[in-house]
Amino acid sequence: MPVSTMQTAMLPSLHRPPSSSRATWEPSSAPSPLLWALMSWFRKPTNLPQPPAFSSRDFANICNVVLMRYGELEEGIDVLDTDGNLVGSSKIAARHALLETALTRVVLPMPILVLPPIVMSMLEKTALLQARPRLLLPVHSLVCLAAFGLALPLAISLFPQMSEIETSQLEPEIAQATSSRTVVYNKGL
């Protein structure tokens, strides 16, 4: 049984009267508008997430990074010279680190939300899954696991863990504290 048929089979039928001989089906016993909207929403097969889902998820990820690491924006993060010696604490480097982390978190869920619906729409048409609908859930779980296994290394590798920044872009006191042209900082996760 395909997914859409399986989902609608679990919902109560609104087109036939109840089987009990004492109760009669009347329009007043129809579901509330909210229940009706939910039921019709579950019946519609959607393959890809809608753009508002992406934008709200991205906004939530960015807010999470900023709120959880707000102390770094206020105090700065440690920057090291090429020899690994501590040069100082930079608020500008902290801002760069938070931007890189936020972009990583925006990219991370994209393959997880996009790939499984595309792959599953192709796999659902195969004779194996049409003949054995009970395999649909395990196959979907494996496809999601594979997408997550692909997405995590991809997103984390967008920016190096120890990022470089030129001293000319940092605070003047840090630029004066080292003779190195660039310094490194830990961007975090």
Protein backbone atom coordinates (compact mmCIF):
# COMPACT_ATOMS: atom_id res chain seq x y z
CA MET A 1 0.00 0.00 0.00
CA PRO A 2 1.56 3.37 -0.98
CA VAL A 3 2.23 5.93 1.70
CA SER A 4 -0.62 8.25 0.73
CA THR A 5 -3.11 5.36 0.84
CA MET A 6 -1.67 4.15 4.15
CA GLN A 7 -1.97 7.62 5.67
CA THR A 8 -5.55 8.07 4.52
CA ALA A 9 -6.50 4.59 5.73
CA MET A 10 -5.62 5.65 9.28
CA LEU A 11 -7.88 8.72 9.11
CA PRO A 12 -11.59 8.36 9.88
CA SER A 13 -13.83 8.18 6.84
CA LEU A 14 -16.20 11.11 6.41
CA HIS A 15 -18.14 9.71 3.48
CA ARG A 16 -19.86 6.68 4.99
CA PRO A 17 -22.25 6.45 7.90
CA PRO A 18 -21.14 4.75 11.11
CA SER A 19 -21.68 0.99 11.27
CA SER A 20 -23.84 1.22 14.38
CA SER A 21 -27.55 0.99 13.63
CA ARG A 22 -28.51 3.35 16.48
CA ALA A 23 -26.30 6.25 15.47
CA THR A 24 -26.96 8.15 12.28
CA TRP A 25 -24.43 10.23 10.47
CA GLU A 26 -25.40 13.88 10.26
CA PRO A 27 -23.61 16.97 8.97
CA SER A 28 -23.42 18.26 12.55
CA SER A 29 -21.14 15.33 13.42
CA ALA A 30 -18.56 16.40 10.81
CA PRO A 31 -15.12 17.24 12.16
CA SER A 32 -14.17 20.72 13.19
CA PRO A 33 -12.52 22.99 10.58
CA LEU A 34 -9.14 22.54 12.29
CA LEU A 35 -9.41 18.74 12.15
CA TRP A 36 -10.60 18.94 8.55
CA ALA A 37 -7.58 21.11 7.62
CA LEU A 38 -5.18 18.71 9.35
CA MET A 39 -6.73 15.72 7.64
CA SER A 40 -6.55 17.31 4.20
CA TRP A 41 -2.96 18.39 4.85
CA PHE A 42 -1.91 14.82 5.67
CA ARG A 43 -3.55 13.55 2.49
CA LYS A 44 -1.47 15.79 0.25
CA PRO A 45 1.84 14.16 -0.68
CA THR A 46 4.65 16.66 -0.37
CA ASN A 47 8.07 15.71 -1.60
CA LEU A 48 10.15 18.77 -0.75
CA PRO A 49 10.09 21.13 2.21
CA GLN A 50 8.52 24.48 1.52
CA PRO A 51 10.73 27.62 1.45
CA PRO A 52 9.28 29.00 4.73
CA ALA A 53 10.47 25.83 6.45
CA PHE A 54 13.99 26.51 5.22
CA SER A 55 13.97 30.18 6.20
CA SER A 56 12.50 29.60 9.66
CA ARG A 57 14.95 26.76 10.31
CA ASP A 58 17.86 28.93 9.17
CA PHE A 59 16.71 31.82 11.33
CA ALA A 60 16.42 29.51 14.34
CA ASN A 61 19.92 28.11 13.73
CA ILE A 62 21.45 31.58 13.48
CA CYS A 63 19.66 32.76 16.62
CA ASN A 64 20.81 29.64 18.45
CA VAL A 65 24.45 30.24 17.53
CA VAL A 66 24.34 33.92 18.48
CA LEU A 67 22.49 33.37 21.77
CA MET A 68 24.62 30.43 22.90
CA ARG A 69 27.90 32.11 22.02
CA TYR A 70 27.01 35.70 22.88
CA GLY A 71 29.76 35.79 25.50
CA GLU A 72 32.34 35.34 22.76
CA LEU A 73 30.98 38.41 20.97
CA GLU A 74 31.28 40.45 24.17
CA GLU A 75 34.68 39.20 25.36
CA GLY A 76 36.26 38.00 22.12
CA ILE A 77 38.04 34.73 21.34
CA ASP A 78 41.69 33.85 21.59
CA VAL A 79 43.80 34.37 18.50
CA LEU A 80 47.14 32.62 18.03
CA ASP A 81 50.13 33.50 15.87
CA THR A 82 51.73 31.07 13.41
CA ASP A 83 53.87 29.58 16.21
CA GLY A 84 50.82 28.85 18.37
CA ASN A 85 51.49 31.64 20.89
CA LEU A 86 48.51 33.51 22.30
CA VAL A 87 48.33 37.01 20.83
CA GLY A 88 45.18 38.26 22.50
CA SER A 89 41.41 38.15 22.51
CA SER A 90 39.57 39.52 19.47
CA LYS A 91 35.90 40.45 19.14
CA ILE A 92 36.27 40.71 15.35
CA ALA A 93 37.60 37.14 15.16
CA ALA A 94 34.67 36.07 17.33
CA ARG A 95 32.26 37.67 14.87
CA HIS A 96 33.96 35.80 11.99
CA ALA A 97 33.80 32.53 13.95
CA LEU A 98 30.10 32.94 14.68
CA LEU A 99 29.36 33.75 11.04
CA GLU A 100 31.20 30.63 9.88
CA THR A 101 29.44 28.48 12.47
CA ALA A 102 26.03 29.89 11.53
CA LEU A 103 26.65 29.20 7.84
CA THR A 104 27.70 25.66 8.71
CA ARG A 105 24.46 25.13 10.62
CA VAL A 106 22.42 26.54 7.76
CA VAL A 107 24.02 24.15 5.26
CA LEU A 108 23.90 21.08 7.54
CA PRO A 109 20.16 20.24 7.28
CA MET A 110 19.82 20.99 3.56
CA PRO A 111 20.90 17.57 2.23
CA ILE A 112 18.91 15.90 5.01
CA LEU A 113 15.72 17.73 4.02
CA VAL A 114 16.18 17.58 0.25
CA LEU A 115 17.79 14.22 -0.60
CA PRO A 116 15.48 11.70 1.15
CA PRO A 117 12.26 12.90 -0.56
CA ILE A 118 13.94 12.83 -3.97
CA VAL A 119 15.51 9.41 -3.44
CA MET A 120 12.37 7.94 -1.88
CA SER A 121 10.16 9.17 -4.73
CA MET A 122 12.36 7.14 -7.08
CA LEU A 123 12.61 4.12 -4.78
CA GLU A 124 8.85 3.96 -4.15
CA LYS A 125 8.35 3.25 -7.84
CA THR A 126 10.52 0.13 -7.74
CA ALA A 127 8.86 -3.27 -7.88
CA LEU A 128 10.49 -4.31 -4.60
CA LEU A 129 8.87 -1.58 -2.50
CA GLN A 130 5.55 -1.78 -4.31
CA ALA A 131 5.39 -5.50 -3.62
CA ARG A 132 6.57 -5.13 0.00
CA PRO A 133 5.19 -1.92 1.51
CA ARG A 134 6.48 -2.89 4.96
CA LEU A 135 10.00 -2.22 3.72
CA LEU A 136 9.14 1.42 3.08
CA LEU A 137 9.89 2.64 6.61
CA PRO A 138 13.24 0.81 7.01
CA VAL A 139 14.37 1.95 3.55
CA HIS A 140 13.33 5.51 4.33
CA SER A 141 15.27 5.35 7.60
CA LEU A 142 18.39 4.10 5.80
CA VAL A 143 18.11 6.83 3.17
CA CYS A 144 17.81 9.47 5.93
CA LEU A 145 20.80 7.97 7.74
CA ALA A 146 22.86 8.05 4.54
CA ALA A 147 21.83 11.68 3.90
CA PHE A 148 22.87 12.65 7.42
CA GLY A 149 26.15 10.77 7.02
CA LEU A 150 26.79 12.78 3.86
CA ALA A 151 25.59 16.13 5.21
CA LEU A 152 27.54 16.27 8.45
CA PRO A 153 31.07 15.96 7.02
CA LEU A 154 30.09 18.21 4.11
CA ALA A 155 28.83 21.00 6.37
CA ILE A 156 31.67 20.78 8.87
CA SER A 157 34.29 20.86 6.11
CA LEU A 158 33.02 24.14 4.67
CA PHE A 159 35.35 26.08 6.96
CA PRO A 160 38.53 24.87 8.65
CA GLN A 161 38.37 24.34 12.41
CA MET A 162 41.33 26.68 12.89
CA SER A 163 40.54 29.62 10.62
CA GLU A 164 43.02 32.29 9.57
CA ILE A 165 42.46 36.01 9.55
CA GLU A 166 44.81 38.83 8.63
CA THR A 167 45.99 40.99 11.51
CA SER A 168 45.09 44.12 9.50
CA GLN A 169 41.40 43.14 9.86
CA LEU A 170 41.61 42.80 13.65
CA GLU A 171 41.80 45.30 16.49
CA PRO A 172 44.89 47.55 16.46
CA GLU A 173 46.21 46.20 19.76
CA ILE A 174 46.29 42.66 18.34
CA ALA A 175 47.96 43.80 15.12
CA GLN A 176 50.67 45.52 17.21
CA ALA A 177 51.14 42.52 19.53
CA THR A 178 52.47 40.22 16.80
CA SER A 179 54.75 40.37 13.83
CA SER A 180 52.76 37.70 11.99
CA ARG A 181 50.75 38.76 8.98
CA THR A 182 47.95 36.32 9.87
CA VAL A 183 46.65 34.82 13.08
CA VAL A 184 44.44 31.77 13.65
CA TYR A 185 41.37 31.24 15.80
CA ASN A 186 39.21 28.24 16.66
CA LYS A 187 35.84 28.73 14.96
CA GLY A 188 34.03 26.19 17.15
CA LEU A 189 31.12 24.03 16.10
